[in-house]
Amino acid sequence: PCLEIADQLFLELGASHFTSFGCIVDLMPGEELREYLPFVIPVSWSPRRLVTDFLKLPVSGFTLPKFAVIDRQGDLRHLLEGPPGYDLWRMVTDFRQIIEPIIAEPSEGTKEIQV
């Protein structure tokens, strides 16, 4: 559900206010990253250790999916668990309530986030 939510928020909020991407964690040995169509957002992959280090979380007990909200300065503002069962439109509404106040904050410039 996180890819669908991120994609929908990107479509609704627009690239000038919101950047979104998907990250597949830990491909299996020999597994290729497949093309995630019809998503608009880019989808890539990363080893679990890099993701947990970036989010400052222990590897032990790290579960997926996660939805991270990172502000313009590159600070992690919210880390939410992806639910097992969900209503996509309700979740998009809930996530908008988290993201819109961050978008409304005055911009002090942005920094590039290294993932």
C-alpha atoms as a PDB file:
ATOM      1  CA  PRO A   1       0.000   0.000   0.000  1.00  0.00           C
ATOM      2  CA  CYS A   2       2.870   2.461   0.602  1.00  0.00           C
ATOM      3  CA  LEU A   3       3.758   2.703  -3.107  1.00  0.00           C
ATOM      4  CA  GLU A   4       0.139   3.371  -4.001  1.00  0.00           C
ATOM      5  CA  ILE A   5      -0.210   6.020  -1.277  1.00  0.00           C
ATOM      6  CA  ALA A   6       3.053   7.754  -2.214  1.00  0.00           C
ATOM      7  CA  ASP A   7       2.082   7.726  -5.875  1.00  0.00           C
ATOM      8  CA  GLN A   8      -1.369   9.182  -5.197  1.00  0.00           C
ATOM      9  CA  LEU A   9       0.008  11.920  -2.927  1.00  0.00           C
ATOM     10  CA  PHE A  10       2.577  12.846  -5.568  1.00  0.00           C
ATOM     11  CA  LEU A  11      -0.189  13.131  -8.166  1.00  0.00           C
ATOM     12  CA  GLU A  12      -2.378  15.220  -5.855  1.00  0.00           C
ATOM     13  CA  LEU A  13       0.235  17.535  -4.322  1.00  0.00           C
ATOM     14  CA  GLY A  14       2.481  17.985  -7.342  1.00  0.00           C
ATOM     15  CA  ALA A  15       6.226  17.906  -7.799  1.00  0.00           C
ATOM     16  CA  SER A  16       6.707  21.512  -6.677  1.00  0.00           C
ATOM     17  CA  HIS A  17       5.524  20.644  -3.146  1.00  0.00           C
ATOM     18  CA  PHE A  18       6.150  16.963  -2.673  1.00  0.00           C
ATOM     19  CA  THR A  19       8.735  14.442  -3.800  1.00  0.00           C
ATOM     20  CA  SER A  20       8.036  10.771  -3.504  1.00  0.00           C
ATOM     21  CA  PHE A  21       9.892   7.566  -4.298  1.00  0.00           C
ATOM     22  CA  GLY A  22       9.651   3.899  -3.469  1.00  0.00           C
ATOM     23  CA  CYS A  23      12.405   1.698  -2.095  1.00  0.00           C
ATOM     24  CA  ILE A  24      12.355  -2.068  -2.234  1.00  0.00           C
ATOM     25  CA  VAL A  25      14.451  -3.484   0.614  1.00  0.00           C
ATOM     26  CA  ASP A  26      16.635  -6.555   0.197  1.00  0.00           C
ATOM     27  CA  LEU A  27      16.225  -8.119  -3.212  1.00  0.00           C
ATOM     28  CA  MET A  28      16.753 -11.855  -3.128  1.00  0.00           C
ATOM     29  CA  PRO A  29      20.078 -13.145  -4.549  1.00  0.00           C
ATOM     30  CA  GLY A  30      19.823 -13.043  -8.338  1.00  0.00           C
ATOM     31  CA  GLU A  31      16.518 -11.147  -8.241  1.00  0.00           C
ATOM     32  CA  GLU A  32      16.202  -8.258 -10.674  1.00  0.00           C
ATOM     33  CA  LEU A  33      14.438  -5.036  -9.791  1.00  0.00           C
ATOM     34  CA  ARG A  34      11.330  -5.170 -11.905  1.00  0.00           C
ATOM     35  CA  GLU A  35       9.627  -2.199 -13.454  1.00  0.00           C
ATOM     36  CA  TYR A  36       6.857  -0.979 -11.196  1.00  0.00           C
ATOM     37  CA  LEU A  37       4.168   0.095 -13.591  1.00  0.00           C
ATOM     38  CA  PRO A  38       1.893   2.013 -13.570  1.00  0.00           C
ATOM     39  CA  PHE A  39       3.510   4.055 -10.768  1.00  0.00           C
ATOM     40  CA  VAL A  40       4.563   7.609 -11.543  1.00  0.00           C
ATOM     41  CA  ILE A  41       7.124   7.725  -8.741  1.00  0.00           C
ATOM     42  CA  PRO A  42      10.567   6.192  -9.199  1.00  0.00           C
ATOM     43  CA  VAL A  43      11.122   2.850  -7.462  1.00  0.00           C
ATOM     44  CA  SER A  44      14.593   1.597  -6.597  1.00  0.00           C
ATOM     45  CA  TRP A  45      16.115  -0.803  -4.072  1.00  0.00           C
ATOM     46  CA  SER A  46      18.535  -0.737  -1.160  1.00  0.00           C
ATOM     47  CA  PRO A  47      20.078  -3.210   1.263  1.00  0.00           C
ATOM     48  CA  ARG A  48      18.291  -3.339   4.625  1.00  0.00           C
ATOM     49  CA  ARG A  49      21.377  -2.066   6.492  1.00  0.00           C
ATOM     50  CA  LEU A  50      21.492   1.187   4.476  1.00  0.00           C
ATOM     51  CA  VAL A  51      17.783   1.790   5.061  1.00  0.00           C
ATOM     52  CA  THR A  52      17.976   1.160   8.802  1.00  0.00           C
ATOM     53  CA  ASP A  53      21.114   3.320   9.111  1.00  0.00           C
ATOM     54  CA  PHE A  54      19.410   6.181   7.218  1.00  0.00           C
ATOM     55  CA  LEU A  55      16.284   5.908   9.403  1.00  0.00           C
ATOM     56  CA  LYS A  56      18.429   5.427  12.535  1.00  0.00           C
ATOM     57  CA  LEU A  57      16.651   2.179  13.415  1.00  0.00           C
ATOM     58  CA  PRO A  58      18.025  -1.165  14.572  1.00  0.00           C
ATOM     59  CA  VAL A  59      18.157  -3.905  11.950  1.00  0.00           C
ATOM     60  CA  SER A  60      16.749  -6.346  14.488  1.00  0.00           C
ATOM     61  CA  GLY A  61      12.971  -6.180  14.417  1.00  0.00           C
ATOM     62  CA  PHE A  62      12.873  -3.882  11.371  1.00  0.00           C
ATOM     63  CA  THR A  63       9.591  -4.609   9.605  1.00  0.00           C
ATOM     64  CA  LEU A  64       8.126  -3.419   6.338  1.00  0.00           C
ATOM     65  CA  PRO A  65       6.367  -1.589   4.865  1.00  0.00           C
ATOM     66  CA  LYS A  66       7.325   1.833   6.221  1.00  0.00           C
ATOM     67  CA  PHE A  67       6.270   5.279   5.083  1.00  0.00           C
ATOM     68  CA  ALA A  68       8.859   7.950   5.918  1.00  0.00           C
ATOM     69  CA  VAL A  69       8.074  11.667   5.779  1.00  0.00           C
ATOM     70  CA  ILE A  70      11.262  13.699   5.361  1.00  0.00           C
ATOM     71  CA  ASP A  71      11.175  17.490   5.358  1.00  0.00           C
ATOM     72  CA  ARG A  72      13.036  19.948   3.112  1.00  0.00           C
ATOM     73  CA  GLN A  73      16.037  19.945   5.429  1.00  0.00           C
ATOM     74  CA  GLY A  74      16.319  16.159   5.206  1.00  0.00           C
ATOM     75  CA  ASP A  75      15.036  15.506   8.724  1.00  0.00           C
ATOM     76  CA  LEU A  76      12.853  12.477   9.343  1.00  0.00           C
ATOM     77  CA  ARG A  77       9.573  13.905  10.640  1.00  0.00           C
ATOM     78  CA  HIS A  78       7.338  10.830  10.691  1.00  0.00           C
ATOM     79  CA  LEU A  79       7.904   7.116  10.288  1.00  0.00           C
ATOM     80  CA  LEU A  80       4.685   5.218   9.886  1.00  0.00           C
ATOM     81  CA  GLU A  81       3.987   1.515   9.602  1.00  0.00           C
ATOM     82  CA  GLY A  82       2.183   0.340   6.501  1.00  0.00           C
ATOM     83  CA  PRO A  83      -1.002  -1.382   7.655  1.00  0.00           C
ATOM     84  CA  PRO A  84      -1.848  -4.994   6.795  1.00  0.00           C
ATOM     85  CA  GLY A  85      -5.371  -4.079   5.651  1.00  0.00           C
ATOM     86  CA  TYR A  86      -6.230  -0.653   4.368  1.00  0.00           C
ATOM     87  CA  ASP A  87      -8.613   1.673   2.647  1.00  0.00           C
ATOM     88  CA  LEU A  88      -6.395   3.496   0.135  1.00  0.00           C
ATOM     89  CA  TRP A  89      -8.429   6.705   0.024  1.00  0.00           C
ATOM     90  CA  ARG A  90      -8.733   6.918   3.815  1.00  0.00           C
ATOM     91  CA  MET A  91      -4.982   6.463   4.158  1.00  0.00           C
ATOM     92  CA  VAL A  92      -4.255   9.092   1.484  1.00  0.00           C
ATOM     93  CA  THR A  93      -6.452  11.506   3.465  1.00  0.00           C
ATOM     94  CA  ASP A  94      -4.694  10.608   6.736  1.00  0.00           C
ATOM     95  CA  PHE A  95      -1.226  11.028   5.205  1.00  0.00           C
ATOM     96  CA  ARG A  96      -2.216  14.363   3.646  1.00  0.00           C
ATOM     97  CA  GLN A  97      -3.022  15.612   7.160  1.00  0.00           C
ATOM     98  CA  ILE A  98       0.544  14.753   8.178  1.00  0.00           C
ATOM     99  CA  ILE A  99       2.239  16.101   5.048  1.00  0.00           C
ATOM    100  CA  GLU A 100       0.329  19.338   4.355  1.00  0.00           C
ATOM    101  CA  PRO A 101       1.497  21.168   7.525  1.00  0.00           C
ATOM    102  CA  ILE A 102       5.100  20.310   6.625  1.00  0.00           C
ATOM    103  CA  ILE A 103       4.588  21.613   3.083  1.00  0.00           C
ATOM    104  CA  ALA A 104       3.099  24.825   4.519  1.00  0.00           C
ATOM    105  CA  GLU A 105       6.187  25.543   6.650  1.00  0.00           C
ATOM    106  CA  PRO A 106       8.389  28.392   5.404  1.00  0.00           C
ATOM    107  CA  SER A 107      11.224  27.115   3.272  1.00  0.00           C
ATOM    108  CA  GLU A 108      14.713  27.674   4.646  1.00  0.00           C
ATOM    109  CA  GLY A 109      16.225  26.119   1.558  1.00  0.00           C
ATOM    110  CA  THR A 110      16.626  22.462   0.880  1.00  0.00           C
ATOM    111  CA  LYS A 111      19.440  20.027   1.151  1.00  0.00           C
ATOM    112  CA  GLU A 112      20.002  17.000  -0.993  1.00  0.00           C
ATOM    113  CA  ILE A 113      19.173  13.771   0.800  1.00  0.00           C
ATOM    114  CA  GLN A 114      21.696  10.985   0.352  1.00  0.00           C
ATOM    115  CA  VAL A 115      19.975   7.606   0.496  1.00  0.00           C
END
